[in-house]
């Protein structure tokens, strides 16, 4: 009988900063170090005290720019080479903290989408989220569920099935008829604590933003707002992409130590899933209710917003003609209105045009305005700052008209016209008008 191969501990090494890689993210590495061996310079770069470092790699894992690496001495490198050559069993040290975290995270499974509704009328963004939710659920190998809260809203369960959900958690009671933060937070947290979903998606609407923040605070988890992309990494973390630093970069945010992982997404950012007529699923009715007396907010009267004739909902338009600073003056938007009228579309604007007072705020497309997904988006005199691109880059077709051939808008345009918009736009309008007249 042969003796078992002796186990040898694998060298842990020490953390070391790579020159020119640190982005001064805010001392994440320092806060993650369990032995306080990292100090920060005035410029926000870490200094690692090698004699204190225990090689736990926590600072390396949390660094968003991979600016830290593990350094091994010549002797340690020799041991690593010997272990690799001899295939000796290596005694891996188990991090008790990591083991406890892994067990905690494993309790949460499933992707949930909150179905927003007002007096039984659903918000379209809820169905859009079921589309991306199905993709996430497939990658995680879990079930896609919807969360429906209201009164007399069971019909929304059937709609949720038609848009991809296989399970719906339903809370139907008079106290939930009108949206009130206290009642909906209590109901949502009850379901979360009882069924432990891994991911929760909500629309970045007035209701969604209010409810998501309150829920995340109550259950003690993270929340990423206004996401433009969602995916799953190899550790089951939700990769949440959104504009950061005023829209100048796209940041990917992860909540790797807390569950559920929560995100809000604007309407029209995610594609609408194909509706499956006759789809069925499981409805789980929960009888939990919030006593009316405990809800401090009371709905006395609902005053409908009477939109003026000039107010337009650009988010649902199939054709949008937008103008930017290149329009030079508010009266020049009449050119765009003529083109939009011929196309049966609406006129939009960039933030610079709205800030200048040339167009009302409800026409603004971009990060701080509306997110649109029309069939055709015509950008006139818009340079294409990232803040604007975030709001329209998912259009089926983008036509850019700009005198500057190097403008960023051409990078996302399907077709680009380098020229004077005051000549190009009227020519397009006249051509479309003549084609329509020829048909008649």
Protein backbone atom coordinates (compact mmCIF):
# COMPACT_ATOMS: atom_id res chain seq x y z
CA UNK A 1 0.00 0.00 0.00
CA UNK A 2 1.54 3.32 -1.07
CA UNK A 3 1.54 6.33 1.17
CA UNK A 4 -0.69 9.18 0.01
CA UNK A 5 1.08 12.12 -1.54
CA UNK A 6 1.86 14.78 1.07
CA UNK A 7 -0.15 17.94 0.84
CA UNK A 8 1.76 21.16 0.41
CA UNK A 9 0.34 24.61 0.94
CA UNK A 10 0.13 26.76 -2.12
CA UNK A 11 1.98 30.10 -1.75
CA UNK A 12 -0.44 32.99 -1.42
CA UNK A 13 1.81 35.86 -2.53
CA UNK A 14 1.14 39.52 -1.87
CA UNK A 15 -0.85 42.16 -3.74
CA UNK A 16 1.00 44.64 -5.93
CA UNK A 17 -0.09 47.73 -7.90
CA UNK A 18 0.41 47.79 -11.67
CA UNK A 19 1.78 51.09 -12.97
CA UNK A 20 -0.67 53.28 -14.83
CA UNK A 21 -3.72 51.07 -14.25
CA UNK A 22 -5.36 52.63 -11.18
CA UNK A 23 -8.39 54.83 -11.92
CA UNK A 24 -8.77 56.16 -8.35
CA UNK A 25 -12.19 54.56 -7.94
CA UNK A 26 -12.58 55.62 -4.33
CA UNK A 27 -10.44 53.31 -2.17
CA UNK A 28 -12.46 50.15 -2.79
CA UNK A 29 -9.32 48.06 -2.35
CA UNK A 30 -8.54 49.70 0.98
CA UNK A 31 -12.04 49.13 2.33
CA UNK A 32 -11.97 45.45 1.28
CA UNK A 33 -8.67 44.62 3.00
CA UNK A 34 -9.28 42.59 6.20
CA UNK A 35 -5.82 43.32 7.68
CA UNK A 36 -5.57 47.06 6.89
CA UNK A 37 -2.42 46.73 4.81
CA UNK A 38 -3.44 49.28 2.15
CA UNK A 39 -2.96 53.03 2.42
CA UNK A 40 -4.06 55.56 -0.20
CA UNK A 41 -1.96 58.33 -1.72
CA UNK A 42 -3.22 61.87 -2.26
CA UNK A 43 -3.97 60.94 -5.88
CA UNK A 44 -6.14 57.99 -4.82
CA UNK A 45 -3.69 55.17 -5.61
CA UNK A 46 -3.09 52.29 -3.16
CA UNK A 47 0.17 51.55 -1.35
CA UNK A 48 0.32 47.91 -0.25
CA UNK A 49 2.37 47.08 2.86
CA UNK A 50 3.79 43.75 1.70
CA UNK A 51 4.78 42.58 5.19
CA UNK A 52 1.15 42.81 6.34
CA UNK A 53 -0.54 41.35 3.22
CA UNK A 54 -1.96 37.84 3.72
CA UNK A 55 -2.66 37.18 0.03
CA UNK A 56 -6.45 36.92 0.41
CA UNK A 57 -6.92 38.58 -3.02
CA UNK A 58 -10.00 40.52 -1.88
CA UNK A 59 -8.53 43.80 -3.12
CA UNK A 60 -7.79 42.23 -6.49
CA UNK A 61 -11.31 40.88 -6.87
CA UNK A 62 -12.95 44.19 -6.06
CA UNK A 63 -10.71 46.38 -8.26
CA UNK A 64 -12.79 47.56 -11.27
CA UNK A 65 -9.72 48.24 -13.46
CA UNK A 66 -7.58 45.15 -12.67
CA UNK A 67 -4.88 47.48 -11.36
CA UNK A 68 -3.68 44.99 -8.74
CA UNK A 69 -1.96 41.64 -9.21
CA UNK A 70 -0.53 38.89 -7.01
CA UNK A 71 3.27 38.98 -6.70
CA UNK A 72 5.27 35.84 -5.89
CA UNK A 73 8.92 35.70 -4.89
CA UNK A 74 11.40 33.53 -6.81
CA UNK A 75 11.15 30.85 -4.11
CA UNK A 76 7.35 30.92 -4.24
CA UNK A 77 7.38 30.71 -8.03
CA UNK A 78 9.65 27.65 -7.73
CA UNK A 79 7.19 25.96 -5.36
CA UNK A 80 4.30 26.71 -7.71
CA UNK A 81 6.25 25.24 -10.62
CA UNK A 82 7.07 22.09 -8.62
CA UNK A 83 3.45 21.61 -7.61
CA UNK A 84 2.34 21.99 -11.21
CA UNK A 85 5.00 19.56 -12.48
CA UNK A 86 4.44 16.89 -9.83
CA UNK A 87 0.69 17.35 -9.67
CA UNK A 88 0.89 17.23 -5.90
CA UNK A 89 -2.35 17.80 -4.03
CA UNK A 90 -2.54 21.40 -2.89
CA UNK A 91 -4.15 22.29 0.40
CA UNK A 92 -6.42 25.18 -0.44
CA UNK A 93 -7.35 27.34 2.50
CA UNK A 94 -11.07 27.83 2.86
CA UNK A 95 -12.15 31.38 3.60
CA UNK A 96 -14.83 31.03 6.33
CA UNK A 97 -16.32 34.40 5.39
CA UNK A 98 -16.60 33.39 1.74
CA UNK A 99 -18.19 30.07 2.69
CA UNK A 100 -20.86 31.79 4.79
CA UNK A 101 -21.55 34.25 1.96
CA UNK A 102 -21.87 31.45 -0.59
CA UNK A 103 -24.43 29.63 1.57
CA UNK A 104 -26.39 32.86 2.04
CA UNK A 105 -26.48 33.67 -1.67
CA UNK A 106 -27.48 30.11 -2.55
CA UNK A 107 -30.78 30.60 -0.70
CA UNK A 108 -31.94 33.05 -3.40
CA UNK A 109 -33.13 31.72 -6.74
CA UNK A 110 -35.36 33.00 -9.52
CA UNK A 111 -35.85 36.12 -11.67
CA UNK A 112 -38.81 38.36 -10.83
CA UNK A 113 -40.37 41.22 -12.77
CA UNK A 114 -42.66 43.70 -11.03
CA UNK A 115 -45.77 44.27 -13.16
CA UNK A 116 -46.62 47.93 -12.77
CA UNK A 117 -50.29 48.83 -13.17
CA UNK A 118 -52.57 51.77 -12.57
CA UNK A 119 -56.22 50.93 -11.97
CA UNK A 120 -55.69 47.61 -13.76
CA UNK A 121 -53.91 49.13 -16.78
CA UNK A 122 -50.38 47.68 -17.10
CA UNK A 123 -47.27 49.67 -17.96
CA UNK A 124 -45.70 48.48 -21.22
CA UNK A 125 -42.24 48.45 -19.64
CA UNK A 126 -43.31 45.48 -17.51
CA UNK A 127 -43.69 43.29 -20.58
CA UNK A 128 -40.38 44.57 -21.98
CA UNK A 129 -38.70 43.49 -18.75
CA UNK A 130 -40.20 40.02 -19.02
CA UNK A 131 -38.34 39.71 -22.32
CA UNK A 132 -34.91 40.42 -20.88
CA UNK A 133 -35.90 38.59 -17.70
CA UNK A 134 -36.42 35.41 -19.72
CA UNK A 135 -32.86 35.68 -21.05
CA UNK A 136 -31.45 36.13 -17.54
CA UNK A 137 -33.52 33.25 -16.18
CA UNK A 138 -32.27 30.97 -18.94
CA UNK A 139 -28.63 31.80 -18.17
CA UNK A 140 -29.22 31.21 -14.47
CA UNK A 141 -31.24 28.05 -15.04
CA UNK A 142 -34.16 29.33 -12.98
CA UNK A 143 -37.82 30.23 -13.42
CA UNK A 144 -39.09 33.60 -14.65
CA UNK A 145 -41.79 34.99 -12.38
CA UNK A 146 -43.94 38.11 -12.27
CA UNK A 147 -45.11 40.00 -9.18
CA UNK A 148 -48.60 41.48 -9.49
CA UNK A 149 -50.03 43.71 -6.75
CA UNK A 150 -53.39 45.50 -6.93
CA UNK A 151 -57.14 44.95 -6.77
CA UNK A 152 -59.01 42.92 -9.41
CA UNK A 153 -55.78 42.45 -11.36
CA UNK A 154 -55.82 38.70 -11.99
CA UNK A 155 -56.10 39.38 -15.73
CA UNK A 156 -52.55 40.71 -15.59
CA UNK A 157 -51.37 37.25 -14.58
CA UNK A 158 -52.56 35.90 -17.93
CA UNK A 159 -50.81 38.75 -19.73
CA UNK A 160 -47.61 37.97 -17.83
CA UNK A 161 -47.81 34.35 -19.01
CA UNK A 162 -48.32 35.56 -22.58
CA UNK A 163 -45.12 37.62 -22.33
CA UNK A 164 -42.93 34.85 -20.96
CA UNK A 165 -43.52 34.36 -17.23
CA UNK A 166 -44.16 30.84 -16.00
CA UNK A 167 -45.17 31.85 -12.47
CA UNK A 168 -46.98 34.84 -11.00
CA UNK A 169 -47.09 35.92 -7.37
CA UNK A 170 -50.45 37.67 -6.95
CA UNK A 171 -51.53 39.91 -4.07
CA UNK A 172 -55.07 41.12 -4.73
CA UNK A 173 -56.82 43.25 -2.12
CA UNK A 174 -58.64 46.63 -1.86
CA UNK A 175 -55.73 48.19 0.05
CA UNK A 176 -53.58 47.81 -3.09
CA UNK A 177 -56.00 49.47 -5.51
CA UNK A 178 -54.13 52.78 -5.54
CA UNK A 179 -50.35 52.77 -5.48
CA UNK A 180 -49.10 53.89 -2.10
CA UNK A 181 -45.49 53.38 -1.13
CA UNK A 182 -46.10 51.97 2.34
CA UNK A 183 -48.60 49.32 1.24
CA UNK A 184 -46.64 48.18 -1.81
CA UNK A 185 -43.34 48.06 0.09
CA UNK A 186 -44.87 45.89 2.82
CA UNK A 187 -46.43 43.56 0.24
CA UNK A 188 -43.26 43.30 -1.86
CA UNK A 189 -40.95 42.71 1.10
CA UNK A 190 -43.31 40.02 2.38
CA UNK A 191 -42.99 38.13 -0.91
CA UNK A 192 -39.22 38.68 -1.10
CA UNK A 193 -38.59 37.40 2.42
CA UNK A 194 -40.87 34.41 1.84
CA UNK A 195 -39.71 33.27 -1.62
CA UNK A 196 -36.20 34.84 -1.91
CA UNK A 197 -35.79 35.85 -5.57
CA UNK A 198 -32.29 36.19 -6.96
CA UNK A 199 -33.03 39.09 -9.34
CA UNK A 200 -35.81 41.71 -9.35
CA UNK A 201 -36.43 43.99 -12.34
CA UNK A 202 -38.65 47.06 -12.27
CA UNK A 203 -39.48 49.85 -14.69
CA UNK A 204 -37.67 53.17 -14.22
CA UNK A 205 -40.98 55.03 -14.06
CA UNK A 206 -42.26 57.30 -11.33
CA UNK A 207 -43.78 54.35 -9.51
CA UNK A 208 -40.90 52.00 -10.19
CA UNK A 209 -38.21 54.38 -9.01
CA UNK A 210 -40.13 55.15 -5.83
CA UNK A 211 -40.89 51.52 -5.00
CA UNK A 212 -37.52 50.02 -5.96
CA UNK A 213 -35.54 52.39 -3.74
CA UNK A 214 -37.81 51.77 -0.77
CA UNK A 215 -37.63 47.99 -1.19
CA UNK A 216 -33.85 47.94 -1.57
CA UNK A 217 -33.49 50.00 1.59
CA UNK A 218 -35.84 47.75 3.53
CA UNK A 219 -34.26 44.42 2.53
CA UNK A 220 -30.71 45.80 2.67
CA UNK A 221 -29.52 45.21 -0.86
CA UNK A 222 -28.15 47.18 -3.81
CA UNK A 223 -30.11 48.87 -6.58
CA UNK A 224 -28.87 50.06 -9.98
CA UNK A 225 -31.12 52.61 -11.67
CA UNK A 226 -31.72 53.32 -15.37
CA UNK A 227 -29.90 50.26 -16.70
CA UNK A 228 -29.37 49.98 -20.44
CA UNK A 229 -27.97 46.43 -20.42
CA UNK A 230 -28.33 43.34 -18.23
CA UNK A 231 -26.39 40.08 -18.27
CA UNK A 232 -25.09 37.32 -15.98
CA UNK A 233 -21.45 36.53 -15.17
CA UNK A 234 -19.93 33.14 -14.32
CA UNK A 235 -20.65 33.63 -10.59
CA UNK A 236 -24.39 34.28 -11.06
CA UNK A 237 -23.94 38.00 -10.52
CA UNK A 238 -26.22 40.37 -12.41
CA UNK A 239 -24.07 42.62 -14.62
CA UNK A 240 -25.94 45.93 -14.72
CA UNK A 241 -24.75 48.41 -17.34
CA UNK A 242 -25.72 52.07 -17.16
CA UNK A 243 -24.29 55.49 -18.09
CA UNK A 244 -22.02 57.02 -15.45
CA UNK A 245 -20.11 60.25 -14.86
CA UNK A 246 -22.73 62.30 -16.67
CA UNK A 247 -23.04 59.75 -19.45
CA UNK A 248 -19.37 59.99 -20.45
CA UNK A 249 -18.73 56.29 -19.77
CA UNK A 250 -20.78 53.12 -19.51
CA UNK A 251 -20.30 51.43 -16.13
CA UNK A 252 -21.09 47.82 -15.28
CA UNK A 253 -22.24 47.46 -11.69
CA UNK A 254 -22.58 44.23 -9.70
CA UNK A 255 -24.05 43.47 -6.29
CA UNK A 256 -21.99 40.38 -5.47
CA UNK A 257 -22.57 40.13 -1.72
CA UNK A 258 -26.28 40.85 -1.32
CA UNK A 259 -29.54 39.48 -2.63
CA UNK A 260 -31.84 40.10 -4.31
CA UNK A 261 -30.05 41.98 -7.08
CA UNK A 262 -32.30 44.86 -8.14
CA UNK A 263 -32.37 46.96 -11.30
CA UNK A 264 -34.68 49.52 -12.86
CA UNK A 265 -34.87 49.94 -16.64
CA UNK A 266 -36.42 52.77 -18.62
CA UNK A 267 -39.33 52.14 -21.00
CA UNK A 268 -38.34 51.35 -24.60
CA UNK A 269 -34.78 50.32 -23.67
CA UNK A 270 -35.45 46.57 -23.89
CA UNK A 271 -37.19 44.99 -26.89
CA UNK A 272 -40.75 43.81 -26.46
CA UNK A 273 -40.95 39.98 -26.36
CA UNK A 274 -43.17 38.16 -28.78
CA UNK A 275 -46.60 37.58 -27.30
CA UNK A 276 -47.53 33.90 -26.85
CA UNK A 277 -51.28 33.53 -27.10
CA UNK A 278 -52.75 30.93 -24.76
CA UNK A 279 -49.61 30.54 -22.65
CA UNK A 280 -50.31 29.27 -19.14
CA UNK A 281 -48.45 29.18 -15.87
CA UNK A 282 -48.81 28.92 -12.11
CA UNK A 283 -50.55 31.63 -10.07
CA UNK A 284 -49.49 31.77 -6.42
CA UNK A 285 -52.07 33.78 -4.51
CA UNK A 286 -50.78 35.30 -1.29
CA UNK A 287 -53.40 36.55 1.14
CA UNK A 288 -51.06 38.90 3.01
CA UNK A 289 -52.65 42.33 3.34
CA UNK A 290 -51.64 45.59 4.93
CA UNK A 291 -54.18 47.03 7.39
CA UNK A 292 -55.65 50.20 5.92
CA UNK A 293 -55.21 51.98 9.25
CA UNK A 294 -51.44 51.42 9.10
CA UNK A 295 -51.09 53.16 5.72
CA UNK A 296 -50.47 56.83 6.44
CA UNK A 297 -51.11 57.98 2.86
CA UNK A 298 -54.74 58.29 1.77
CA UNK A 299 -55.95 58.88 -1.77
CA UNK A 300 -58.63 61.57 -1.54
CA UNK A 301 -58.94 62.55 -5.19
CA UNK A 302 -57.16 61.85 -8.46
CA UNK A 303 -56.67 64.85 -10.71
CA UNK A 304 -55.94 63.82 -14.27
CA UNK A 305 -53.23 65.72 -16.08
CA UNK A 306 -54.97 67.46 -18.96
CA UNK A 307 -52.29 67.49 -21.63
CA UNK A 308 -52.22 70.46 -23.95
CA UNK A 309 -52.40 69.99 -27.70
CA UNK A 310 -48.68 70.71 -27.99
CA UNK A 311 -47.74 67.89 -25.63
CA UNK A 312 -46.61 64.74 -27.42
CA UNK A 313 -45.60 61.32 -26.10
CA UNK A 314 -42.53 60.69 -28.22
CA UNK A 315 -41.84 57.29 -26.62
CA UNK A 316 -44.54 55.60 -28.70
CA UNK A 317 -43.77 57.29 -32.04
CA UNK A 318 -42.61 55.19 -34.99
CA UNK A 319 -40.98 58.15 -36.76
CA UNK A 320 -39.05 60.84 -34.91
CA UNK A 321 -37.30 63.86 -36.43
CA UNK A 322 -35.03 65.40 -33.80
CA UNK A 323 -33.12 68.65 -33.79
CA UNK A 324 -30.12 69.81 -31.81
CA UNK A 325 -27.99 72.90 -31.41
CA UNK A 326 -27.42 72.89 -35.16
CA UNK A 327 -30.99 74.11 -35.66
CA UNK A 328 -29.70 77.58 -34.65
CA UNK A 329 -33.09 78.98 -33.53
CA UNK A 330 -36.53 77.79 -32.30
CA UNK A 331 -38.35 78.91 -35.45
CA UNK A 332 -36.21 76.55 -37.53
CA UNK A 333 -37.89 73.55 -35.91
CA UNK A 334 -40.78 74.25 -38.30
CA UNK A 335 -38.64 72.53 -40.96
CA UNK A 336 -38.55 69.41 -38.85
CA UNK A 337 -42.27 69.58 -38.14
CA UNK A 338 -43.01 69.61 -41.89
CA UNK A 339 -40.89 66.49 -42.40
CA UNK A 340 -42.45 64.79 -39.37
CA UNK A 341 -45.96 65.58 -40.68
CA UNK A 342 -45.15 63.96 -44.02
CA UNK A 343 -43.86 60.85 -42.24
CA UNK A 344 -46.69 60.72 -39.73
CA UNK A 345 -44.19 61.18 -36.92
CA UNK A 346 -43.26 63.66 -34.19
CA UNK A 347 -40.48 66.14 -33.52
CA UNK A 348 -37.91 65.46 -30.82
CA UNK A 349 -34.94 67.39 -29.50
CA UNK A 350 -31.56 67.05 -27.86
CA UNK A 351 -30.88 68.40 -24.38
CA UNK A 352 -29.06 71.45 -25.75
CA UNK A 353 -32.13 72.43 -27.78
CA UNK A 354 -34.40 71.99 -24.76
CA UNK A 355 -32.04 73.88 -22.43
CA UNK A 356 -32.00 76.72 -24.96
CA UNK A 357 -35.80 76.89 -24.72
CA UNK A 358 -36.32 75.93 -28.36
CA UNK A 359 -38.44 72.85 -27.54
CA UNK A 360 -40.44 71.71 -24.47
CA UNK A 361 -38.93 69.21 -22.05
CA UNK A 362 -41.34 66.43 -23.01
CA UNK A 363 -39.66 66.28 -26.45
CA UNK A 364 -36.17 65.65 -25.08
CA UNK A 365 -34.45 62.41 -26.13
CA UNK A 366 -31.52 61.16 -24.11
CA UNK A 367 -30.25 60.13 -20.71
CA UNK A 368 -32.07 62.92 -18.88
CA UNK A 369 -35.03 62.83 -21.27
CA UNK A 370 -36.96 60.02 -22.96
CA UNK A 371 -35.67 56.72 -24.29
CA UNK A 372 -37.18 56.00 -27.71
CA UNK A 373 -37.16 53.06 -30.10
CA UNK A 374 -38.81 54.27 -33.34
CA UNK A 375 -38.66 52.62 -36.73
CA UNK A 376 -36.81 55.66 -38.12
CA UNK A 377 -34.94 58.31 -36.12
CA UNK A 378 -33.71 61.34 -38.07
CA UNK A 379 -31.09 63.38 -36.18
CA UNK A 380 -30.70 66.90 -37.56
CA UNK A 381 -27.87 69.08 -36.31
CA UNK A 382 -27.19 66.72 -33.39
CA UNK A 383 -23.51 66.01 -32.70
CA UNK A 384 -24.19 62.73 -30.89
CA UNK A 385 -23.02 63.10 -27.28
CA UNK A 386 -23.23 59.83 -25.33
CA UNK A 387 -26.07 61.28 -23.24
CA UNK A 388 -28.20 61.60 -26.38
CA UNK A 389 -27.11 58.30 -27.92
CA UNK A 390 -28.29 56.43 -24.83
CA UNK A 391 -31.84 57.55 -25.56
CA UNK A 392 -32.04 56.66 -29.28
CA UNK A 393 -29.32 54.20 -30.26
CA UNK A 394 -31.74 51.26 -30.33
CA UNK A 395 -33.87 52.79 -33.10
CA UNK A 396 -34.45 50.42 -36.02
CA UNK A 397 -32.89 52.95 -38.41
CA UNK A 398 -30.94 56.13 -37.66
CA UNK A 399 -30.47 58.82 -40.30
CA UNK A 400 -28.00 61.55 -39.33
CA UNK A 401 -27.76 64.97 -41.02
CA UNK A 402 -24.81 67.10 -39.94
CA UNK A 403 -22.26 69.42 -41.54
CA UNK A 404 -19.46 67.89 -39.42
CA UNK A 405 -18.47 64.59 -41.02
CA UNK A 406 -16.59 63.57 -37.87
CA UNK A 407 -19.57 64.03 -35.52
CA UNK A 408 -20.09 61.03 -33.17
CA UNK A 409 -23.69 60.66 -34.37
CA UNK A 410 -22.39 59.07 -37.59
CA UNK A 411 -20.91 56.19 -35.58
CA UNK A 412 -24.39 54.90 -34.74
CA UNK A 413 -26.18 56.10 -37.88
CA UNK A 414 -27.53 53.63 -40.41
CA UNK A 415 -27.30 56.35 -43.05
CA UNK A 416 -25.35 59.59 -42.78
CA UNK A 417 -25.72 62.79 -44.79
CA UNK A 418 -22.89 65.32 -44.47
CA UNK A 419 -24.38 68.63 -45.49
CA UNK A 420 -26.40 71.70 -44.55
CA UNK A 421 -29.58 70.52 -42.85
CA UNK A 422 -31.39 73.68 -44.01
CA UNK A 423 -30.98 72.40 -47.56
CA UNK A 424 -31.16 68.63 -46.92
CA UNK A 425 -34.31 68.53 -44.76
CA UNK A 426 -36.53 70.56 -47.14
CA UNK A 427 -35.28 68.42 -50.05
CA UNK A 428 -36.23 65.21 -48.22
CA UNK A 429 -39.63 66.68 -47.28
CA UNK A 430 -40.31 67.70 -50.88
CA UNK A 431 -39.30 64.27 -52.19
CA UNK A 432 -41.56 62.44 -49.75
CA UNK A 433 -44.42 64.79 -50.56
CA UNK A 434 -44.02 64.21 -54.31
CA UNK A 435 -43.89 60.45 -53.86
CA UNK A 436 -47.12 60.55 -51.84
CA UNK A 437 -48.82 62.71 -54.44
CA UNK A 438 -47.72 60.37 -57.22
CA UNK A 439 -49.45 57.47 -55.49
CA UNK A 440 -52.71 59.39 -55.49
